[in-house]
Amino acid sequence: MSSDQVSNLDDTEAPRGGIIATHLAHPGTFIVFASKGEVVERHPVILWGVNEDGLAVPMTMNGTWDDIADANSFVLFPTGDCSRYERNWPNLEQAVGDIFFAE
């Protein structure tokens, strides 16, 4: 679909689903995978995608949320705090501890 075709669509014809905008992530932002009380992997977040509902989703070179729907993953921000959807932690140690006890 060309940009001319998209600009002529009304709201009922607009494509649905997926990312509608992206923004650069701050350096030092990672998706962290934790298991058994320790960090297993860290993947750099390169972009924040905005989906059609207006929610920000982290994107790595592997895709949105690193192409994984894993309950043991969360975002580590350059400030040191961590989050995943409605869950937030003040630091990496508390996030990993909480994930460990949830397993």
PDB file of N, CA and C in Angstrom:
ATOM      1  N   MET A   1       0.849  -1.161   0.000  1.00  0.00           N
ATOM      2  CA  MET A   1       0.000   0.000   0.000  1.00  0.00           C
ATOM      3  C   MET A   1       0.903   1.234   0.000  1.00  0.00           C
ATOM      4  N   SER A   2       0.661   2.130  -0.923  1.00  0.00           N
ATOM      5  CA  SER A   2       1.474   3.339  -1.025  1.00  0.00           C
ATOM      6  C   SER A   2       1.036   4.366   0.013  1.00  0.00           C
ATOM      7  N   SER A   3       1.885   5.372   0.243  1.00  0.00           N
ATOM      8  CA  SER A   3       1.535   6.420   1.199  1.00  0.00           C
ATOM      9  C   SER A   3       0.312   7.201   0.737  1.00  0.00           C
ATOM     10  N   ASP A   4       0.105   7.341  -0.593  1.00  0.00           N
ATOM     11  CA  ASP A   4      -1.099   8.015  -1.101  1.00  0.00           C
ATOM     12  C   ASP A   4      -2.353   7.231  -0.738  1.00  0.00           C
ATOM     13  N   GLN A   5      -2.257   5.897  -0.844  1.00  0.00           N
ATOM     14  CA  GLN A   5      -3.407   5.069  -0.501  1.00  0.00           C
ATOM     15  C   GLN A   5      -3.729   5.157   0.987  1.00  0.00           C
ATOM     16  N   VAL A   6      -2.698   5.162   1.832  1.00  0.00           N
ATOM     17  CA  VAL A   6      -2.900   5.248   3.277  1.00  0.00           C
ATOM     18  C   VAL A   6      -3.504   6.592   3.648  1.00  0.00           C
ATOM     19  N   SER A   7      -3.037   7.683   3.067  1.00  0.00           N
ATOM     20  CA  SER A   7      -3.546   9.008   3.427  1.00  0.00           C
ATOM     21  C   SER A   7      -4.993   9.203   3.010  1.00  0.00           C
ATOM     22  N   ASN A   8      -5.490   8.424   2.045  1.00  0.00           N
ATOM     23  CA  ASN A   8      -6.873   8.542   1.599  1.00  0.00           C
ATOM     24  C   ASN A   8      -7.830   7.603   2.333  1.00  0.00           C
ATOM     25  N   LEU A   9      -7.333   6.800   3.276  1.00  0.00           N
ATOM     26  CA  LEU A   9      -8.191   5.878   4.012  1.00  0.00           C
ATOM     27  C   LEU A   9      -8.945   6.616   5.112  1.00  0.00           C
ATOM     28  N   ASP A  10     -10.187   6.198   5.361  1.00  0.00           N
ATOM     29  CA  ASP A  10     -10.852   6.714   6.548  1.00  0.00           C
ATOM     30  C   ASP A  10     -10.572   5.752   7.696  1.00  0.00           C
ATOM     31  N   ASP A  11     -11.048   6.081   8.917  1.00  0.00           N
ATOM     32  CA  ASP A  11     -10.739   5.274  10.095  1.00  0.00           C
ATOM     33  C   ASP A  11     -11.210   3.829   9.982  1.00  0.00           C
ATOM     34  N   THR A  12     -12.263   3.577   9.252  1.00  0.00           N
ATOM     35  CA  THR A  12     -12.775   2.210   9.141  1.00  0.00           C
ATOM     36  C   THR A  12     -11.936   1.356   8.206  1.00  0.00           C
ATOM     37  N   GLU A  13     -11.141   1.983   7.338  1.00  0.00           N
ATOM     38  CA  GLU A  13     -10.315   1.231   6.390  1.00  0.00           C
ATOM     39  C   GLU A  13      -8.855   1.139   6.804  1.00  0.00           C
ATOM     40  N   ALA A  14      -8.466   1.850   7.877  1.00  0.00           N
ATOM     41  CA  ALA A  14      -7.061   1.890   8.282  1.00  0.00           C
ATOM     42  C   ALA A  14      -6.581   0.497   8.671  1.00  0.00           C
ATOM     43  N   PRO A  15      -5.343   0.155   8.291  1.00  0.00           N
ATOM     44  CA  PRO A  15      -4.801  -1.142   8.671  1.00  0.00           C
ATOM     45  C   PRO A  15      -4.758  -1.279  10.191  1.00  0.00           C
ATOM     46  N   ARG A  16      -5.061  -2.452  10.727  1.00  0.00           N
ATOM     47  CA  ARG A  16      -5.089  -2.689  12.172  1.00  0.00           C
ATOM     48  C   ARG A  16      -4.017  -3.691  12.573  1.00  0.00           C
ATOM     49  N   GLY A  17      -3.600  -3.578  13.824  1.00  0.00           N
ATOM     50  CA  GLY A  17      -2.632  -4.515  14.380  1.00  0.00           C
ATOM     51  C   GLY A  17      -1.213  -4.074  14.114  1.00  0.00           C
ATOM     52  N   GLY A  18      -0.367  -4.303  15.073  1.00  0.00           N
ATOM     53  CA  GLY A  18       1.040  -4.023  14.895  1.00  0.00           C
ATOM     54  C   GLY A  18       1.468  -2.666  15.410  1.00  0.00           C
ATOM     55  N   ILE A  19       2.675  -2.322  15.049  1.00  0.00           N
ATOM     56  CA  ILE A  19       3.337  -1.104  15.512  1.00  0.00           C
ATOM     57  C   ILE A  19       2.981   0.048  14.576  1.00  0.00           C
ATOM     58  N   ILE A  20       2.568   1.177  15.146  1.00  0.00           N
ATOM     59  CA  ILE A  20       2.210   2.330  14.324  1.00  0.00           C
ATOM     60  C   ILE A  20       3.262   3.431  14.363  1.00  0.00           C
ATOM     61  N   ALA A  21       4.207   3.351  15.319  1.00  0.00           N
ATOM     62  CA  ALA A  21       5.281   4.340  15.403  1.00  0.00           C
ATOM     63  C   ALA A  21       6.430   3.739  16.194  1.00  0.00           C
ATOM     64  N   THR A  22       7.624   4.290  16.012  1.00  0.00           N
ATOM     65  CA  THR A  22       8.781   3.856  16.795  1.00  0.00           C
ATOM     66  C   THR A  22       9.556   5.069  17.286  1.00  0.00           C
ATOM     67  N   HIS A  23      10.263   4.870  18.392  1.00  0.00           N
ATOM     68  CA  HIS A  23      11.124   5.902  18.968  1.00  0.00           C
ATOM     69  C   HIS A  23      12.397   5.218  19.435  1.00  0.00           C
ATOM     70  N   LEU A  24      13.524   5.889  19.315  1.00  0.00           N
ATOM     71  CA  LEU A  24      14.787   5.320  19.771  1.00  0.00           C
ATOM     72  C   LEU A  24      14.756   5.079  21.273  1.00  0.00           C
ATOM     73  N   ALA A  25      15.323   3.972  21.702  1.00  0.00           N
ATOM     74  CA  ALA A  25      15.460   3.679  23.128  1.00  0.00           C
ATOM     75  C   ALA A  25      16.750   4.309  23.641  1.00  0.00           C
ATOM     76  N   HIS A  26      16.760   4.657  24.919  1.00  0.00           N
ATOM     77  CA  HIS A  26      17.984   5.179  25.524  1.00  0.00           C
ATOM     78  C   HIS A  26      19.023   4.064  25.612  1.00  0.00           C
ATOM     79  N   PRO A  27      20.294   4.380  25.364  1.00  0.00           N
ATOM     80  CA  PRO A  27      21.347   3.369  25.555  1.00  0.00           C
ATOM     81  C   PRO A  27      21.298   2.844  26.992  1.00  0.00           C
ATOM     82  N   GLY A  28      21.532   1.580  27.160  1.00  0.00           N
ATOM     83  CA  GLY A  28      21.496   0.978  28.493  1.00  0.00           C
ATOM     84  C   GLY A  28      20.133   0.427  28.863  1.00  0.00           C
ATOM     85  N   THR A  29      19.209   0.358  27.887  1.00  0.00           N
ATOM     86  CA  THR A  29      17.903  -0.261  28.107  1.00  0.00           C
ATOM     87  C   THR A  29      17.985  -1.694  27.584  1.00  0.00           C
ATOM     88  N   PHE A  30      17.548  -2.647  28.404  1.00  0.00           N
ATOM     89  CA  PHE A  30      17.670  -4.062  28.035  1.00  0.00           C
ATOM     90  C   PHE A  30      16.384  -4.815  28.345  1.00  0.00           C
ATOM     91  N   ILE A  31      16.114  -5.862  27.568  1.00  0.00           N
ATOM     92  CA  ILE A  31      15.172  -6.882  27.989  1.00  0.00           C
ATOM     93  C   ILE A  31      16.023  -7.917  28.717  1.00  0.00           C
ATOM     94  N   VAL A  32      15.641  -8.205  29.950  1.00  0.00           N
ATOM     95  CA  VAL A  32      16.382  -9.143  30.792  1.00  0.00           C
ATOM     96  C   VAL A  32      15.563 -10.412  30.944  1.00  0.00           C
ATOM     97  N   PHE A  33      16.219 -11.545  30.819  1.00  0.00           N
ATOM     98  CA  PHE A  33      15.612 -12.849  31.043  1.00  0.00           C
ATOM     99  C   PHE A  33      16.222 -13.417  32.311  1.00  0.00           C
ATOM    100  N   ALA A  34      15.384 -13.741  33.290  1.00  0.00           N
ATOM    101  CA  ALA A  34      15.866 -14.248  34.571  1.00  0.00           C
ATOM    102  C   ALA A  34      15.299 -15.636  34.829  1.00  0.00           C
ATOM    103  N   SER A  35      16.062 -16.436  35.525  1.00  0.00           N
ATOM    104  CA  SER A  35      15.610 -17.768  35.907  1.00  0.00           C
ATOM    105  C   SER A  35      16.375 -18.219  37.140  1.00  0.00           C
ATOM    106  N   LYS A  36      15.671 -18.855  38.047  1.00  0.00           N
ATOM    107  CA  LYS A  36      16.283 -19.416  39.251  1.00  0.00           C
ATOM    108  C   LYS A  36      17.134 -18.404  40.007  1.00  0.00           C
ATOM    109  N   GLY A  37      16.619 -17.183  40.096  1.00  0.00           N
ATOM    110  CA  GLY A  37      17.261 -16.156  40.903  1.00  0.00           C
ATOM    111  C   GLY A  37      18.464 -15.484  40.283  1.00  0.00           C
ATOM    112  N   GLU A  38      18.662 -15.653  38.969  1.00  0.00           N
ATOM    113  CA  GLU A  38      19.796 -14.979  38.333  1.00  0.00           C
ATOM    114  C   GLU A  38      19.439 -14.512  36.925  1.00  0.00           C
ATOM    115  N   VAL A  39      20.195 -13.543  36.453  1.00  0.00           N
ATOM    116  CA  VAL A  39      20.015 -13.033  35.094  1.00  0.00           C
ATOM    117  C   VAL A  39      20.628 -14.039  34.132  1.00  0.00           C
ATOM    118  N   VAL A  40      19.841 -14.482  33.172  1.00  0.00           N
ATOM    119  CA  VAL A  40      20.313 -15.462  32.200  1.00  0.00           C
ATOM    120  C   VAL A  40      20.830 -14.754  30.947  1.00  0.00           C
ATOM    121  N   GLU A  41      20.074 -13.758  30.472  1.00  0.00           N
ATOM    122  CA  GLU A  41      20.452 -13.022  29.259  1.00  0.00           C
ATOM    123  C   GLU A  41      19.993 -11.584  29.353  1.00  0.00           C
ATOM    124  N   ARG A  42      20.686 -10.712  28.594  1.00  0.00           N
ATOM    125  CA  ARG A  42      20.288  -9.316  28.414  1.00  0.00           C
ATOM    126  C   ARG A  42      20.360  -9.006  26.930  1.00  0.00           C
ATOM    127  N   HIS A  43      19.276  -8.479  26.390  1.00  0.00           N
ATOM    128  CA  HIS A  43      19.253  -8.092  24.987  1.00  0.00           C
ATOM    129  C   HIS A  43      18.971  -6.591  24.909  1.00  0.00           C
ATOM    130  N   PRO A  44      19.808  -5.836  24.204  1.00  0.00           N
ATOM    131  CA  PRO A  44      19.603  -4.383  24.126  1.00  0.00           C
ATOM    132  C   PRO A  44      18.293  -4.015  23.424  1.00  0.00           C
ATOM    133  N   VAL A  45      17.563  -3.097  24.036  1.00  0.00           N
ATOM    134  CA  VAL A  45      16.369  -2.531  23.408  1.00  0.00           C
ATOM    135  C   VAL A  45      16.853  -1.402  22.518  1.00  0.00           C
ATOM    136  N   ILE A  46      16.526  -1.470  21.231  1.00  0.00           N
ATOM    137  CA  ILE A  46      16.984  -0.438  20.296  1.00  0.00           C
ATOM    138  C   ILE A  46      15.892   0.575  19.976  1.00  0.00           C
ATOM    139  N   LEU A  47      14.633   0.116  20.036  1.00  0.00           N
ATOM    140  CA  LEU A  47      13.495   0.993  19.734  1.00  0.00           C
ATOM    141  C   LEU A  47      12.365   0.722  20.709  1.00  0.00           C
ATOM    142  N   TRP A  48      11.542   1.728  20.891  1.00  0.00           N
ATOM    143  CA  TRP A  48      10.243   1.548  21.538  1.00  0.00           C
ATOM    144  C   TRP A  48       9.211   1.634  20.440  1.00  0.00           C
ATOM    145  N   GLY A  49       8.404   0.608  20.323  1.00  0.00           N
ATOM    146  CA  GLY A  49       7.311   0.641  19.367  1.00  0.00           C
ATOM    147  C   GLY A  49       6.049   1.108  20.073  1.00  0.00           C
ATOM    148  N   VAL A  50       5.193   1.787  19.333  1.00  0.00           N
ATOM    149  CA  VAL A  50       3.894   2.198  19.866  1.00  0.00           C
ATOM    150  C   VAL A  50       2.840   1.429  19.076  1.00  0.00           C
ATOM    151  N   ASN A  51       2.045   0.627  19.793  1.00  0.00           N
ATOM    152  CA  ASN A  51       1.024  -0.130  19.077  1.00  0.00           C
ATOM    153  C   ASN A  51      -0.241   0.712  18.923  1.00  0.00           C
ATOM    154  N   GLU A  52      -1.212   0.189  18.209  1.00  0.00           N
ATOM    155  CA  GLU A  52      -2.414   0.978  17.900  1.00  0.00           C
ATOM    156  C   GLU A  52      -3.206   1.351  19.144  1.00  0.00           C
ATOM    157  N   ASP A  53      -2.983   0.664  20.273  1.00  0.00           N
ATOM    158  CA  ASP A  53      -3.648   1.012  21.525  1.00  0.00           C
ATOM    159  C   ASP A  53      -2.896   2.095  22.299  1.00  0.00           C
ATOM    160  N   GLY A  54      -1.753   2.526  21.750  1.00  0.00           N
ATOM    161  CA  GLY A  54      -0.960   3.555  22.403  1.00  0.00           C
ATOM    162  C   GLY A  54       0.025   3.028  23.435  1.00  0.00           C
ATOM    163  N   LEU A  55       0.161   1.707  23.537  1.00  0.00           N
ATOM    164  CA  LEU A  55       1.085   1.109  24.494  1.00  0.00           C
ATOM    165  C   LEU A  55       2.488   1.037  23.909  1.00  0.00           C
ATOM    166  N   ALA A  56       3.471   1.343  24.731  1.00  0.00           N
ATOM    167  CA  ALA A  56       4.866   1.237  24.312  1.00  0.00           C
ATOM    168  C   ALA A  56       5.347  -0.189  24.523  1.00  0.00           C
ATOM    169  N   VAL A  57       6.029  -0.735  23.533  1.00  0.00           N
ATOM    170  CA  VAL A  57       6.571  -2.080  23.621  1.00  0.00           C
ATOM    171  C   VAL A  57       8.049  -2.045  23.235  1.00  0.00           C
ATOM    172  N   PRO A  58       8.907  -2.731  24.012  1.00  0.00           N
ATOM    173  CA  PRO A  58      10.333  -2.722  23.708  1.00  0.00           C
ATOM    174  C   PRO A  58      10.639  -3.592  22.495  1.00  0.00           C
ATOM    175  N   MET A  59      11.585  -3.122  21.683  1.00  0.00           N
ATOM    176  CA  MET A  59      11.967  -3.864  20.485  1.00  0.00           C
ATOM    177  C   MET A  59      13.481  -4.077  20.472  1.00  0.00           C
ATOM    178  N   THR A  60      13.892  -5.327  20.231  1.00  0.00           N
ATOM    179  CA  THR A  60      15.299  -5.649  20.058  1.00  0.00           C
ATOM    180  C   THR A  60      15.524  -6.002  18.585  1.00  0.00           C
ATOM    181  N   MET A  61      16.716  -6.413  18.254  1.00  0.00           N
ATOM    182  CA  MET A  61      16.985  -6.858  16.885  1.00  0.00           C
ATOM    183  C   MET A  61      16.160  -8.103  16.536  1.00  0.00           C
ATOM    184  N   ASN A  62      15.657  -8.808  17.554  1.00  0.00           N
ATOM    185  CA  ASN A  62      14.850 -10.008  17.325  1.00  0.00           C
ATOM    186  C   ASN A  62      13.359  -9.708  17.203  1.00  0.00           C
ATOM    187  N   GLY A  63      12.950  -8.485  17.443  1.00  0.00           N
ATOM    188  CA  GLY A  63      11.539  -8.116  17.321  1.00  0.00           C
ATOM    189  C   GLY A  63      10.971  -7.548  18.599  1.00  0.00           C
ATOM    190  N   THR A  64       9.659  -7.388  18.596  1.00  0.00           N
ATOM    191  CA  THR A  64       8.953  -6.856  19.752  1.00  0.00           C
ATOM    192  C   THR A  64       9.038  -7.838  20.906  1.00  0.00           C
ATOM    193  N   TRP A  65       9.375  -7.329  22.092  1.00  0.00           N
ATOM    194  CA  TRP A  65       9.604  -8.166  23.276  1.00  0.00           C
ATOM    195  C   TRP A  65      10.553  -9.316  22.955  1.00  0.00           C
ATOM    196  N   ASP A  66      11.493  -9.054  22.022  1.00  0.00           N
ATOM    197  CA  ASP A  66      12.494 -10.046  21.632  1.00  0.00           C
ATOM    198  C   ASP A  66      11.841 -11.304  21.063  1.00  0.00           C
ATOM    199  N   ASP A  67      10.640 -11.151  20.472  1.00  0.00           N
ATOM    200  CA  ASP A  67       9.877 -12.270  19.905  1.00  0.00           C
ATOM    201  C   ASP A  67       9.594 -13.375  20.914  1.00  0.00           C
ATOM    202  N   ILE A  68       9.553 -13.023  22.197  1.00  0.00           N
ATOM    203  CA  ILE A  68       9.302 -14.030  23.231  1.00  0.00           C
ATOM    204  C   ILE A  68       8.214 -13.518  24.162  1.00  0.00           C
ATOM    205  N   ALA A  69       7.252 -14.353  24.453  1.00  0.00           N
ATOM    206  CA  ALA A  69       6.255 -14.052  25.482  1.00  0.00           C
ATOM    207  C   ALA A  69       6.658 -14.878  26.693  1.00  0.00           C
ATOM    208  N   ASP A  70       7.574 -14.361  27.467  1.00  0.00           N
ATOM    209  CA  ASP A  70       8.179 -15.093  28.564  1.00  0.00           C
ATOM    210  C   ASP A  70       7.877 -14.369  29.873  1.00  0.00           C
ATOM    211  N   ALA A  71       7.262 -15.072  30.809  1.00  0.00           N
ATOM    212  CA  ALA A  71       6.928 -14.465  32.102  1.00  0.00           C
ATOM    213  C   ALA A  71       8.174 -14.093  32.891  1.00  0.00           C
ATOM    214  N   ASN A  72       9.327 -14.602  32.496  1.00  0.00           N
ATOM    215  CA  ASN A  72      10.568 -14.321  33.210  1.00  0.00           C
ATOM    216  C   ASN A  72      11.375 -13.194  32.572  1.00  0.00           C
ATOM    217  N   SER A  73      10.742 -12.409  31.722  1.00  0.00           N
ATOM    218  CA  SER A  73      11.454 -11.293  31.095  1.00  0.00           C
ATOM    219  C   SER A  73      10.853  -9.973  31.537  1.00  0.00           C
ATOM    220  N   PHE A  74      11.693  -8.941  31.541  1.00  0.00           N
ATOM    221  CA  PHE A  74      11.271  -7.604  31.924  1.00  0.00           C
ATOM    222  C   PHE A  74      12.251  -6.608  31.334  1.00  0.00           C
ATOM    223  N   VAL A  75      11.940  -5.329  31.426  1.00  0.00           N
ATOM    224  CA  VAL A  75      12.807  -4.282  30.891  1.00  0.00           C
ATOM    225  C   VAL A  75      13.620  -3.677  32.017  1.00  0.00           C
ATOM    226  N   LEU A  76      14.926  -3.576  31.801  1.00  0.00           N
ATOM    227  CA  LEU A  76      15.841  -2.873  32.690  1.00  0.00           C
ATOM    228  C   LEU A  76      16.156  -1.538  32.048  1.00  0.00           C
ATOM    229  N   PHE A  77      15.858  -0.451  32.752  1.00  0.00           N
ATOM    230  CA  PHE A  77      16.091   0.893  32.234  1.00  0.00           C
ATOM    231  C   PHE A  77      17.471   1.408  32.660  1.00  0.00           C
ATOM    232  N   PRO A  78      18.015   2.396  31.943  1.00  0.00           N
ATOM    233  CA  PRO A  78      19.331   2.941  32.296  1.00  0.00           C
ATOM    234  C   PRO A  78      19.368   3.519  33.718  1.00  0.00           C
ATOM    235  N   THR A  79      18.216   3.877  34.257  1.00  0.00           N
ATOM    236  CA  THR A  79      18.132   4.418  35.619  1.00  0.00           C
ATOM    237  C   THR A  79      18.238   3.337  36.684  1.00  0.00           C
ATOM    238  N   GLY A  80      18.170   2.051  36.269  1.00  0.00           N
ATOM    239  CA  GLY A  80      18.293   0.941  37.202  1.00  0.00           C
ATOM    240  C   GLY A  80      16.969   0.312  37.592  1.00  0.00           C
ATOM    241  N   ASP A  81      15.847   1.001  37.342  1.00  0.00           N
ATOM    242  CA  ASP A  81      14.554   0.410  37.661  1.00  0.00           C
ATOM    243  C   ASP A  81      14.128  -0.541  36.551  1.00  0.00           C
ATOM    244  N   CYS A  82      13.163  -1.393  36.864  1.00  0.00           N
ATOM    245  CA  CYS A  82      12.731  -2.441  35.945  1.00  0.00           C
ATOM    246  C   CYS A  82      11.210  -2.471  35.894  1.00  0.00           C
ATOM    247  N   SER A  83      10.663  -2.946  34.756  1.00  0.00           N
ATOM    248  CA  SER A  83       9.221  -3.083  34.661  1.00  0.00           C
ATOM    249  C   SER A  83       8.828  -4.121  33.625  1.00  0.00           C
ATOM    250  N   ARG A  84       7.591  -4.579  33.771  1.00  0.00           N
ATOM    251  CA  ARG A  84       6.953  -5.456  32.798  1.00  0.00           C
ATOM    252  C   ARG A  84       5.462  -5.238  32.951  1.00  0.00           C
ATOM    253  N   TYR A  85       4.836  -4.696  31.940  1.00  0.00           N
ATOM    254  CA  TYR A  85       3.405  -4.401  31.961  1.00  0.00           C
ATOM    255  C   TYR A  85       3.042  -3.681  33.257  1.00  0.00           C
ATOM    256  N   GLU A  86       2.228  -4.299  34.119  1.00  0.00           N
ATOM    257  CA  GLU A  86       1.768  -3.617  35.325  1.00  0.00           C
ATOM    258  C   GLU A  86       2.696  -3.809  36.518  1.00  0.00           C
ATOM    259  N   ARG A  87       3.811  -4.495  36.340  1.00  0.00           N
ATOM    260  CA  ARG A  87       4.751  -4.752  37.441  1.00  0.00           C
ATOM    261  C   ARG A  87       5.949  -3.826  37.325  1.00  0.00           C
ATOM    262  N   ASN A  88       6.380  -3.283  38.471  1.00  0.00           N
ATOM    263  CA  ASN A  88       7.546  -2.395  38.514  1.00  0.00           C
ATOM    264  C   ASN A  88       8.407  -2.754  39.711  1.00  0.00           C
ATOM    265  N   TRP A  89       9.713  -2.612  39.540  1.00  0.00           N
ATOM    266  CA  TRP A  89      10.665  -2.860  40.614  1.00  0.00           C
ATOM    267  C   TRP A  89      11.682  -1.728  40.640  1.00  0.00           C
ATOM    268  N   PRO A  90      12.180  -1.355  41.818  1.00  0.00           N
ATOM    269  CA  PRO A  90      13.136  -0.250  41.906  1.00  0.00           C
ATOM    270  C   PRO A  90      14.548  -0.607  41.427  1.00  0.00           C
ATOM    271  N   ASN A  91      14.857  -1.927  41.345  1.00  0.00           N
ATOM    272  CA  ASN A  91      16.200  -2.319  40.911  1.00  0.00           C
ATOM    273  C   ASN A  91      16.193  -3.750  40.370  1.00  0.00           C
ATOM    274  N   LEU A  92      17.287  -4.127  39.759  1.00  0.00           N
ATOM    275  CA  LEU A  92      17.430  -5.437  39.125  1.00  0.00           C
ATOM    276  C   LEU A  92      17.312  -6.576  40.134  1.00  0.00           C
ATOM    277  N   GLU A  93      17.914  -6.416  41.301  1.00  0.00           N
ATOM    278  CA  GLU A  93      17.898  -7.479  42.303  1.00  0.00           C
ATOM    279  C   GLU A  93      16.471  -7.812  42.742  1.00  0.00           C
ATOM    280  N   GLN A  94      15.648  -6.784  42.948  1.00  0.00           N
ATOM    281  CA  GLN A  94      14.267  -7.041  43.365  1.00  0.00           C
ATOM    282  C   GLN A  94      13.453  -7.663  42.234  1.00  0.00           C
ATOM    283  N   ALA A  95      13.697  -7.252  41.006  1.00  0.00           N
ATOM    284  CA  ALA A  95      12.979  -7.836  39.866  1.00  0.00           C
ATOM    285  C   ALA A  95      13.313  -9.316  39.736  1.00  0.00           C
ATOM    286  N   VAL A  96      14.584  -9.647  39.780  1.00  0.00           N
ATOM    287  CA  VAL A  96      15.003 -11.048  39.649  1.00  0.00           C
ATOM    288  C   VAL A  96      14.467 -11.868  40.823  1.00  0.00           C
ATOM    289  N   GLY A  97      14.526 -11.302  42.033  1.00  0.00           N
ATOM    290  CA  GLY A  97      14.001 -12.009  43.208  1.00  0.00           C
ATOM    291  C   GLY A  97      12.522 -12.278  43.098  1.00  0.00           C
ATOM    292  N   ASP A  98      11.777 -11.295  42.631  1.00  0.00           N
ATOM    293  CA  ASP A  98      10.327 -11.452  42.480  1.00  0.00           C
ATOM    294  C   ASP A  98      10.006 -12.500  41.417  1.00  0.00           C
ATOM    295  N   ILE A  99      10.728 -12.475  40.313  1.00  0.00           N
ATOM    296  CA  ILE A  99      10.530 -13.464  39.238  1.00  0.00           C
ATOM    297  C   ILE A  99      10.871 -14.860  39.761  1.00  0.00           C
ATOM    298  N   PHE A 100      11.948 -14.965  40.537  1.00  0.00           N
ATOM    299  CA  PHE A 100      12.385 -16.258  41.070  1.00  0.00           C
ATOM    300  C   PHE A 100      11.303 -16.871  41.967  1.00  0.00           C
ATOM    301  N   PHE A 101      10.716 -16.049  42.840  1.00  0.00           N
ATOM    302  CA  PHE A 101       9.703 -16.585  43.742  1.00  0.00           C
ATOM    303  C   PHE A 101       8.380 -16.855  43.047  1.00  0.00           C
ATOM    304  N   ALA A 102       8.183 -16.262  41.865  1.00  0.00           N
ATOM    305  CA  ALA A 102       6.957 -16.492  41.100  1.00  0.00           C
ATOM    306  C   ALA A 102       7.041 -17.790  40.286  1.00  0.00           C
ATOM    307  N   GLU A 103       8.249 -18.309  40.094  1.00  0.00           N
ATOM    308  CA  GLU A 103       8.427 -19.528  39.271  1.00  0.00           C
ATOM    309  C   GLU A 103       7.850 -20.741  39.953  1.00  0.00           C
TER     310      GLU A 103
END
